[in-house]
Amino acid sequence: MIRHIVMWRVSGDTPEENLASRQTVKHRFEGLRGRIPGMIHLEVGMDSSAADYACDVVLVADFESQHALDAYANHPEHLRVRQQLGRLRTARFQVDYAVESLTPASLSTAETANARI
């Protein structure tokens, strides 16, 4: 499985305009649920910290494979959303990585490691 994480900073001269931009990004990407082959999970969140270094919106999507993620990049629905949001985005950050499946043995190891932290 491949996890695709994208974070944006969005436009807005006032707090109200920024909130509207964040909500637009969130709703447009949520509209992709069930429309992209190979996408098995989609989550979109808006920052609540208000830290000056924070991004405004984050997308976390899981894909069955790298091939499915590559196909998403050029999928017409995804391209439509990107085009609609083009002017709202002021910065974009992305990380893609393979997610190893957790087995009961690795989960107990991870729990043990977390207990020591």
Protein backbone atom coordinates (compact mmCIF):
# COMPACT_ATOMS: atom_id res chain seq x y z
CA MET A 1 0.00 0.00 0.00
CA ILE A 2 1.21 3.52 -0.78
CA ARG A 3 0.30 6.45 1.46
CA HIS A 4 0.05 9.83 -0.28
CA ILE A 5 0.16 12.89 1.98
CA VAL A 6 -0.25 16.40 0.64
CA MET A 7 -0.31 19.58 2.72
CA TRP A 8 -1.27 23.01 1.46
CA ARG A 9 -1.19 26.58 2.53
CA VAL A 10 -4.08 28.45 0.98
CA SER A 11 -4.97 32.04 0.21
CA GLY A 12 -7.11 34.39 2.25
CA ASP A 13 -6.41 37.97 3.27
CA THR A 14 -8.73 37.69 6.25
CA PRO A 15 -9.39 34.78 8.61
CA GLU A 16 -12.82 34.38 6.99
CA GLU A 17 -11.37 34.21 3.46
CA ASN A 18 -8.73 31.71 4.59
CA LEU A 19 -11.41 29.54 6.21
CA ALA A 20 -13.45 29.62 3.02
CA SER A 21 -10.38 28.57 1.00
CA ARG A 22 -9.61 25.73 3.43
CA GLN A 23 -13.21 24.50 3.31
CA THR A 24 -13.22 24.58 -0.49
CA VAL A 25 -10.05 22.48 -0.69
CA LYS A 26 -11.44 20.01 1.84
CA HIS A 27 -14.80 19.59 0.11
CA ARG A 28 -13.38 19.32 -3.42
CA PHE A 29 -10.95 16.57 -2.48
CA GLU A 30 -13.54 14.74 -0.38
CA GLY A 31 -15.63 14.66 -3.56
CA LEU A 32 -13.08 12.24 -5.04
CA ARG A 33 -14.11 9.43 -2.66
CA GLY A 34 -15.29 6.42 -4.63
CA ARG A 35 -14.27 7.95 -7.97
CA ILE A 36 -10.60 6.92 -8.16
CA PRO A 37 -9.72 3.27 -8.91
CA GLY A 38 -7.20 1.89 -6.44
CA MET A 39 -7.79 4.58 -3.80
CA ILE A 40 -8.71 2.72 -0.64
CA HIS A 41 -8.82 5.58 1.87
CA LEU A 42 -9.15 9.36 1.69
CA GLU A 43 -9.05 11.76 4.59
CA VAL A 44 -8.87 15.56 4.45
CA GLY A 45 -8.28 17.66 7.55
CA MET A 46 -8.02 21.36 8.29
CA ASP A 47 -5.46 22.70 10.74
CA SER A 48 -6.79 23.65 14.15
CA SER A 49 -3.49 24.70 15.75
CA ALA A 50 -3.27 28.15 14.14
CA ALA A 51 0.53 27.94 14.48
CA ASP A 52 2.23 30.32 12.06
CA TYR A 53 4.34 27.46 10.63
CA ALA A 54 1.41 25.06 10.12
CA CYS A 55 -0.14 24.15 6.81
CA ASP A 56 -3.84 24.88 6.36
CA VAL A 57 -5.09 21.59 4.90
CA VAL A 58 -3.79 18.02 4.75
CA LEU A 59 -4.86 15.16 2.51
CA VAL A 60 -4.02 11.57 3.46
CA ALA A 61 -4.87 8.96 0.84
CA ASP A 62 -3.99 5.29 0.67
CA PHE A 63 -3.60 3.52 -2.66
CA GLU A 64 -3.43 -0.19 -3.44
CA SER A 65 -0.14 0.23 -5.29
CA GLN A 66 2.30 2.70 -6.79
CA HIS A 67 0.58 2.09 -10.11
CA ALA A 68 -2.76 3.19 -8.62
CA LEU A 69 -1.15 6.36 -7.22
CA ASP A 70 0.49 7.09 -10.57
CA ALA A 71 -2.88 6.68 -12.32
CA TYR A 72 -4.50 9.04 -9.79
CA ALA A 73 -2.04 11.78 -10.73
CA ASN A 74 -3.53 11.89 -14.24
CA HIS A 75 -7.09 10.86 -13.48
CA PRO A 76 -9.59 13.34 -15.01
CA GLU A 77 -11.45 13.86 -11.71
CA HIS A 78 -8.22 14.63 -9.85
CA LEU A 79 -7.06 16.99 -12.61
CA ARG A 80 -10.44 18.76 -12.50
CA VAL A 81 -10.12 19.36 -8.75
CA ARG A 82 -6.53 20.55 -9.09
CA GLN A 83 -7.57 23.02 -11.78
CA GLN A 84 -10.49 24.31 -9.70
CA LEU A 85 -8.20 24.93 -6.73
CA GLY A 86 -5.19 26.30 -8.58
CA ARG A 87 -5.46 29.88 -7.38
CA LEU A 88 -6.35 28.99 -3.80
CA ARG A 89 -3.08 27.18 -3.12
CA THR A 90 -0.09 29.27 -2.11
CA ALA A 91 2.24 26.39 -1.14
CA ARG A 92 2.16 22.59 -1.50
CA PHE A 93 4.13 19.84 0.22
CA GLN A 94 3.97 16.12 -0.54
CA VAL A 95 5.24 12.82 0.85
CA ASP A 96 4.52 9.36 -0.65
CA TYR A 97 5.70 6.19 1.06
CA ALA A 98 5.08 2.47 1.23
CA VAL A 99 3.15 1.35 4.29
CA GLU A 100 4.17 -1.95 5.72
CA SER A 101 1.26 -4.00 6.97
CA LEU A 102 1.22 -4.56 10.70
CA THR A 103 1.21 -8.14 11.83
CA PRO A 104 0.28 -9.11 15.41
CA ALA A 105 3.99 -9.66 16.14
CA SER A 106 5.07 -6.26 14.80
CA LEU A 107 2.15 -4.57 16.55
CA SER A 108 3.21 -5.94 19.93
CA THR A 109 6.79 -4.82 19.21
CA ALA A 110 5.54 -1.35 18.30
CA GLU A 111 3.39 -1.20 21.42
CA THR A 112 6.37 -2.25 23.54
CA ALA A 113 8.54 0.43 21.94
CA ASN A 114 5.86 3.09 22.50
CA ALA A 115 5.51 2.07 26.12
CA ARG A 116 9.21 2.89 26.64
CA ILE A 117 8.94 6.36 25.12
